[in-house]
Amino acid sequence: MKVGRQILELLSVETKPHGVAAPPVTVQGDELHVGPGRLGRRESVTFFVLVDGDPTFSRWHALIDVGFEEEPEISYSTSELKHTVLRVFLSMAVIFVIVLSIFGRNN
């Protein structure tokens, strides 16, 4: 599958039903190479990737009677990401202060 933007990281691979072996996958630039492998009837594999920018998809395969489904796109605005990073940073700061106060009392 070609996503049209640099794939920064393969975040996770999910299979249904849970525990089914996923085919091997490699990332090469803006392409996700899957297989060879075996998927049975009613089995699915979902790949979650982090890309640099808005993706455009093109797929090719040599499989018979195999369908592809695109999940709704997950996107975050820059302000949402900034707020998320700020919340994580503040949470870590609070945890750090709590840990310091606990260790400070013990010494």
N, C-alpha and C. Protein backbone atom coordinates (compact mmCIF):
# COMPACT_ATOMS: atom_id res chain seq x y z
N MET A 1 0.84 -1.16 0.00
CA MET A 1 0.00 0.00 0.00
C MET A 1 0.89 1.22 0.00
N LYS A 2 0.57 2.17 -0.85
CA LYS A 2 1.32 3.42 -0.92
C LYS A 2 0.43 4.50 -0.29
N VAL A 3 0.99 5.25 0.67
CA VAL A 3 0.19 6.25 1.36
C VAL A 3 0.47 7.68 0.89
N GLY A 4 1.43 7.86 0.01
CA GLY A 4 1.66 9.17 -0.58
C GLY A 4 2.42 10.15 0.29
N ARG A 5 2.74 9.78 1.49
CA ARG A 5 3.54 10.59 2.41
C ARG A 5 4.51 9.68 3.13
N GLN A 6 5.62 10.23 3.57
CA GLN A 6 6.63 9.47 4.30
C GLN A 6 6.00 8.82 5.52
N ILE A 7 6.17 7.50 5.67
CA ILE A 7 5.70 6.80 6.86
C ILE A 7 6.79 6.95 7.91
N LEU A 8 6.45 7.62 9.00
CA LEU A 8 7.42 7.87 10.05
C LEU A 8 7.57 6.67 10.98
N GLU A 9 6.44 5.97 11.20
CA GLU A 9 6.50 4.84 12.13
C GLU A 9 5.29 3.94 11.94
N LEU A 10 5.52 2.65 12.03
CA LEU A 10 4.44 1.67 12.10
C LEU A 10 4.08 1.59 13.58
N LEU A 11 2.92 2.13 13.95
CA LEU A 11 2.55 2.23 15.37
C LEU A 11 2.09 0.89 15.94
N SER A 12 1.21 0.22 15.22
CA SER A 12 0.73 -1.08 15.71
C SER A 12 0.06 -1.85 14.59
N VAL A 13 -0.11 -3.13 14.86
CA VAL A 13 -0.81 -4.03 13.95
C VAL A 13 -1.84 -4.77 14.78
N GLU A 14 -3.10 -4.71 14.36
CA GLU A 14 -4.17 -5.41 15.07
C GLU A 14 -4.78 -6.46 14.15
N THR A 15 -5.09 -7.60 14.73
CA THR A 15 -5.74 -8.66 13.96
C THR A 15 -7.09 -9.00 14.58
N LYS A 16 -7.98 -9.44 13.74
CA LYS A 16 -9.28 -9.95 14.20
C LYS A 16 -9.50 -11.29 13.53
N PRO A 17 -9.88 -12.29 14.26
CA PRO A 17 -10.02 -12.29 15.71
C PRO A 17 -8.66 -12.12 16.38
N HIS A 18 -8.72 -11.67 17.62
CA HIS A 18 -7.50 -11.40 18.39
C HIS A 18 -6.65 -12.67 18.47
N GLY A 19 -5.35 -12.52 18.27
CA GLY A 19 -4.44 -13.65 18.37
C GLY A 19 -4.09 -14.29 17.04
N VAL A 20 -4.77 -13.92 15.97
CA VAL A 20 -4.44 -14.43 14.64
C VAL A 20 -3.08 -13.86 14.25
N ALA A 21 -2.25 -14.68 13.67
CA ALA A 21 -0.91 -14.22 13.26
C ALA A 21 -1.03 -13.24 12.10
N ALA A 22 -0.41 -12.08 12.26
CA ALA A 22 -0.40 -11.08 11.20
C ALA A 22 0.71 -11.39 10.21
N PRO A 23 0.49 -11.10 8.93
CA PRO A 23 1.58 -11.29 7.97
C PRO A 23 2.70 -10.30 8.26
N PRO A 24 3.92 -10.62 7.83
CA PRO A 24 5.02 -9.69 8.05
C PRO A 24 4.78 -8.38 7.30
N VAL A 25 5.25 -7.29 7.86
CA VAL A 25 5.07 -5.98 7.23
C VAL A 25 6.37 -5.19 7.35
N THR A 26 6.71 -4.48 6.29
CA THR A 26 7.87 -3.59 6.31
C THR A 26 7.47 -2.23 5.76
N VAL A 27 8.18 -1.22 6.22
CA VAL A 27 7.95 0.14 5.76
C VAL A 27 9.11 0.53 4.87
N GLN A 28 8.79 1.05 3.69
CA GLN A 28 9.81 1.54 2.76
C GLN A 28 9.35 2.89 2.23
N GLY A 29 9.83 3.96 2.86
CA GLY A 29 9.46 5.30 2.43
C GLY A 29 8.00 5.59 2.67
N ASP A 30 7.24 5.72 1.57
CA ASP A 30 5.81 5.98 1.70
C ASP A 30 4.98 4.73 1.39
N GLU A 31 5.63 3.56 1.44
CA GLU A 31 4.94 2.31 1.13
C GLU A 31 4.96 1.35 2.31
N LEU A 32 3.85 0.63 2.46
CA LEU A 32 3.71 -0.41 3.46
C LEU A 32 3.65 -1.73 2.69
N HIS A 33 4.65 -2.59 2.86
CA HIS A 33 4.71 -3.87 2.16
C HIS A 33 4.26 -4.96 3.12
N VAL A 34 3.22 -5.68 2.74
CA VAL A 34 2.62 -6.70 3.59
C VAL A 34 2.78 -8.07 2.95
N GLY A 35 3.21 -9.04 3.76
CA GLY A 35 3.25 -10.43 3.30
C GLY A 35 4.63 -10.86 2.90
N PRO A 36 4.73 -12.06 2.46
CA PRO A 36 3.62 -12.99 2.24
C PRO A 36 3.09 -13.53 3.56
N GLY A 37 1.84 -13.91 3.54
CA GLY A 37 1.20 -14.44 4.73
C GLY A 37 -0.16 -15.02 4.37
N ARG A 38 -0.86 -15.48 5.38
CA ARG A 38 -2.15 -16.09 5.16
C ARG A 38 -3.20 -15.43 6.04
N LEU A 39 -4.32 -15.10 5.43
CA LEU A 39 -5.49 -14.63 6.17
C LEU A 39 -6.64 -15.56 5.83
N GLY A 40 -7.31 -16.02 6.84
CA GLY A 40 -8.46 -16.88 6.62
C GLY A 40 -9.74 -16.07 6.47
N ARG A 41 -10.81 -16.77 6.19
CA ARG A 41 -12.12 -16.15 6.06
C ARG A 41 -12.48 -15.44 7.37
N ARG A 42 -13.02 -14.25 7.24
CA ARG A 42 -13.44 -13.41 8.37
C ARG A 42 -12.28 -12.99 9.29
N GLU A 43 -11.07 -13.05 8.78
CA GLU A 43 -9.92 -12.53 9.52
C GLU A 43 -9.54 -11.19 8.89
N SER A 44 -9.03 -10.31 9.72
CA SER A 44 -8.61 -9.01 9.20
C SER A 44 -7.35 -8.54 9.91
N VAL A 45 -6.63 -7.67 9.22
CA VAL A 45 -5.42 -7.06 9.78
C VAL A 45 -5.54 -5.56 9.57
N THR A 46 -5.29 -4.81 10.63
CA THR A 46 -5.34 -3.35 10.56
C THR A 46 -3.97 -2.82 10.93
N PHE A 47 -3.45 -1.93 10.08
CA PHE A 47 -2.15 -1.32 10.31
C PHE A 47 -2.35 0.14 10.69
N PHE A 48 -1.73 0.56 11.78
CA PHE A 48 -1.78 1.95 12.21
C PHE A 48 -0.40 2.55 11.98
N VAL A 49 -0.34 3.59 11.14
CA VAL A 49 0.94 4.22 10.82
C VAL A 49 0.89 5.72 11.09
N LEU A 50 2.03 6.26 11.42
CA LEU A 50 2.19 7.69 11.59
C LEU A 50 2.84 8.22 10.31
N VAL A 51 2.17 9.17 9.65
CA VAL A 51 2.69 9.70 8.40
C VAL A 51 2.96 11.19 8.53
N ASP A 52 3.82 11.68 7.67
CA ASP A 52 4.18 13.09 7.65
C ASP A 52 3.27 13.82 6.68
N GLY A 53 2.14 14.32 7.15
CA GLY A 53 1.20 15.04 6.30
C GLY A 53 -0.07 14.24 6.05
N ASP A 54 -0.88 14.73 5.13
CA ASP A 54 -2.13 14.08 4.78
C ASP A 54 -1.88 12.97 3.77
N PRO A 55 -2.28 11.74 4.09
CA PRO A 55 -2.02 10.62 3.19
C PRO A 55 -2.97 10.59 2.00
N THR A 56 -2.50 10.00 0.92
CA THR A 56 -3.33 9.64 -0.23
C THR A 56 -3.03 8.18 -0.50
N PHE A 57 -4.06 7.36 -0.59
CA PHE A 57 -3.86 5.93 -0.65
C PHE A 57 -3.92 5.39 -2.07
N SER A 58 -3.05 4.45 -2.35
CA SER A 58 -3.18 3.62 -3.55
C SER A 58 -2.74 2.23 -3.14
N ARG A 59 -3.50 1.21 -3.58
CA ARG A 59 -3.19 -0.15 -3.17
C ARG A 59 -3.10 -1.04 -4.41
N TRP A 60 -2.33 -2.06 -4.24
CA TRP A 60 -2.24 -3.07 -5.27
C TRP A 60 -1.99 -4.40 -4.59
N HIS A 61 -2.53 -5.45 -5.17
CA HIS A 61 -2.31 -6.78 -4.62
C HIS A 61 -2.62 -7.81 -5.68
N ALA A 62 -2.17 -9.02 -5.43
CA ALA A 62 -2.39 -10.11 -6.37
C ALA A 62 -3.25 -11.20 -5.72
N LEU A 63 -4.21 -10.78 -4.92
CA LEU A 63 -5.04 -11.73 -4.19
C LEU A 63 -6.43 -11.81 -4.81
N ILE A 64 -7.01 -12.99 -4.76
CA ILE A 64 -8.34 -13.19 -5.30
C ILE A 64 -9.35 -13.15 -4.16
N ASP A 65 -10.47 -12.48 -4.39
CA ASP A 65 -11.56 -12.40 -3.41
C ASP A 65 -11.12 -11.82 -2.07
N VAL A 66 -10.27 -10.81 -2.11
CA VAL A 66 -9.83 -10.13 -0.90
C VAL A 66 -10.22 -8.67 -1.02
N GLY A 67 -10.87 -8.16 -0.01
CA GLY A 67 -11.31 -6.77 -0.04
C GLY A 67 -10.50 -5.90 0.90
N PHE A 68 -10.51 -4.62 0.61
CA PHE A 68 -9.86 -3.63 1.46
C PHE A 68 -10.95 -2.70 1.98
N GLU A 69 -10.85 -2.34 3.23
CA GLU A 69 -11.75 -1.36 3.82
C GLU A 69 -10.93 -0.25 4.43
N GLU A 70 -11.31 0.96 4.14
CA GLU A 70 -10.63 2.10 4.74
C GLU A 70 -11.43 2.55 5.94
N GLU A 71 -10.74 2.70 7.05
CA GLU A 71 -11.38 3.20 8.27
C GLU A 71 -11.49 4.72 8.16
N PRO A 72 -12.42 5.30 8.91
CA PRO A 72 -12.49 6.77 8.91
C PRO A 72 -11.15 7.35 9.32
N GLU A 73 -10.79 8.41 8.65
CA GLU A 73 -9.49 9.04 8.90
C GLU A 73 -9.45 9.67 10.28
N ILE A 74 -8.37 9.45 10.98
CA ILE A 74 -8.16 10.08 12.27
C ILE A 74 -7.19 11.23 12.04
N SER A 75 -7.64 12.42 12.36
CA SER A 75 -6.74 13.56 12.20
C SER A 75 -6.87 14.47 13.42
N TYR A 76 -5.80 15.14 13.72
CA TYR A 76 -5.78 16.05 14.84
C TYR A 76 -5.28 17.39 14.34
N SER A 77 -5.94 18.43 14.78
CA SER A 77 -5.47 19.76 14.41
C SER A 77 -4.23 20.09 15.23
N THR A 78 -3.51 21.08 14.78
CA THR A 78 -2.30 21.50 15.48
C THR A 78 -2.62 21.96 16.89
N SER A 79 -3.74 22.67 17.05
CA SER A 79 -4.09 23.14 18.40
C SER A 79 -4.45 21.97 19.30
N GLU A 80 -5.12 20.94 18.78
CA GLU A 80 -5.43 19.76 19.59
C GLU A 80 -4.15 19.07 20.03
N LEU A 81 -3.19 18.95 19.12
CA LEU A 81 -1.92 18.32 19.48
C LEU A 81 -1.17 19.14 20.52
N LYS A 82 -1.18 20.45 20.38
CA LYS A 82 -0.51 21.31 21.35
C LYS A 82 -1.15 21.15 22.73
N HIS A 83 -2.48 21.11 22.78
CA HIS A 83 -3.17 20.94 24.06
C HIS A 83 -2.88 19.57 24.66
N THR A 84 -2.80 18.55 23.83
CA THR A 84 -2.50 17.21 24.33
C THR A 84 -1.09 17.16 24.90
N VAL A 85 -0.13 17.73 24.18
CA VAL A 85 1.25 17.76 24.66
C VAL A 85 1.33 18.55 25.96
N LEU A 86 0.61 19.66 26.04
CA LEU A 86 0.61 20.47 27.25
C LEU A 86 0.03 19.69 28.43
N ARG A 87 -1.08 18.96 28.20
CA ARG A 87 -1.67 18.16 29.28
C ARG A 87 -0.72 17.07 29.75
N VAL A 88 -0.05 16.40 28.81
CA VAL A 88 0.90 15.36 29.18
C VAL A 88 2.06 15.98 29.98
N PHE A 89 2.58 17.10 29.52
CA PHE A 89 3.68 17.77 30.21
C PHE A 89 3.27 18.16 31.63
N LEU A 90 2.09 18.76 31.77
CA LEU A 90 1.63 19.18 33.10
C LEU A 90 1.40 17.98 34.00
N SER A 91 0.86 16.90 33.45
CA SER A 91 0.67 15.68 34.24
C SER A 91 2.00 15.14 34.73
N MET A 92 2.99 15.11 33.85
CA MET A 92 4.32 14.63 34.24
C MET A 92 4.94 15.54 35.30
N ALA A 93 4.72 16.85 35.19
CA ALA A 93 5.25 17.78 36.17
C ALA A 93 4.62 17.53 37.54
N VAL A 94 3.32 17.30 37.57
CA VAL A 94 2.63 17.01 38.83
C VAL A 94 3.17 15.72 39.44
N ILE A 95 3.32 14.69 38.62
CA ILE A 95 3.86 13.41 39.11
C ILE A 95 5.28 13.61 39.65
N PHE A 96 6.08 14.39 38.96
CA PHE A 96 7.44 14.66 39.40
C PHE A 96 7.45 15.35 40.77
N VAL A 97 6.59 16.33 40.95
CA VAL A 97 6.51 17.04 42.23
C VAL A 97 6.07 16.09 43.35
N ILE A 98 5.11 15.22 43.06
CA ILE A 98 4.64 14.25 44.06
C ILE A 98 5.77 13.30 44.45
N VAL A 99 6.48 12.78 43.45
CA VAL A 99 7.59 11.87 43.73
C VAL A 99 8.67 12.58 44.54
N LEU A 100 8.99 13.81 44.17
CA LEU A 100 9.98 14.57 44.94
C LEU A 100 9.54 14.77 46.39
N SER A 101 8.28 15.07 46.59
CA SER A 101 7.80 15.30 47.96
C SER A 101 7.83 14.00 48.76
N ILE A 102 7.54 12.87 48.15
CA ILE A 102 7.58 11.58 48.84
C ILE A 102 9.02 11.24 49.22
N PHE A 103 9.94 11.38 48.30
CA PHE A 103 11.33 11.07 48.58
C PHE A 103 11.94 12.09 49.52
N GLY A 104 11.47 13.34 49.46
CA GLY A 104 11.97 14.37 50.35
C GLY A 104 11.59 14.11 51.80
N ARG A 105 10.41 13.55 52.02
CA ARG A 105 9.97 13.22 53.38
C ARG A 105 10.75 12.06 53.94
N ASN A 106 11.14 11.12 53.09
CA ASN A 106 11.85 9.93 53.56
C ASN A 106 13.31 10.19 53.88
N ASN A 107 13.88 11.27 53.40
CA ASN A 107 15.30 11.55 53.65
C ASN A 107 15.48 12.49 54.77
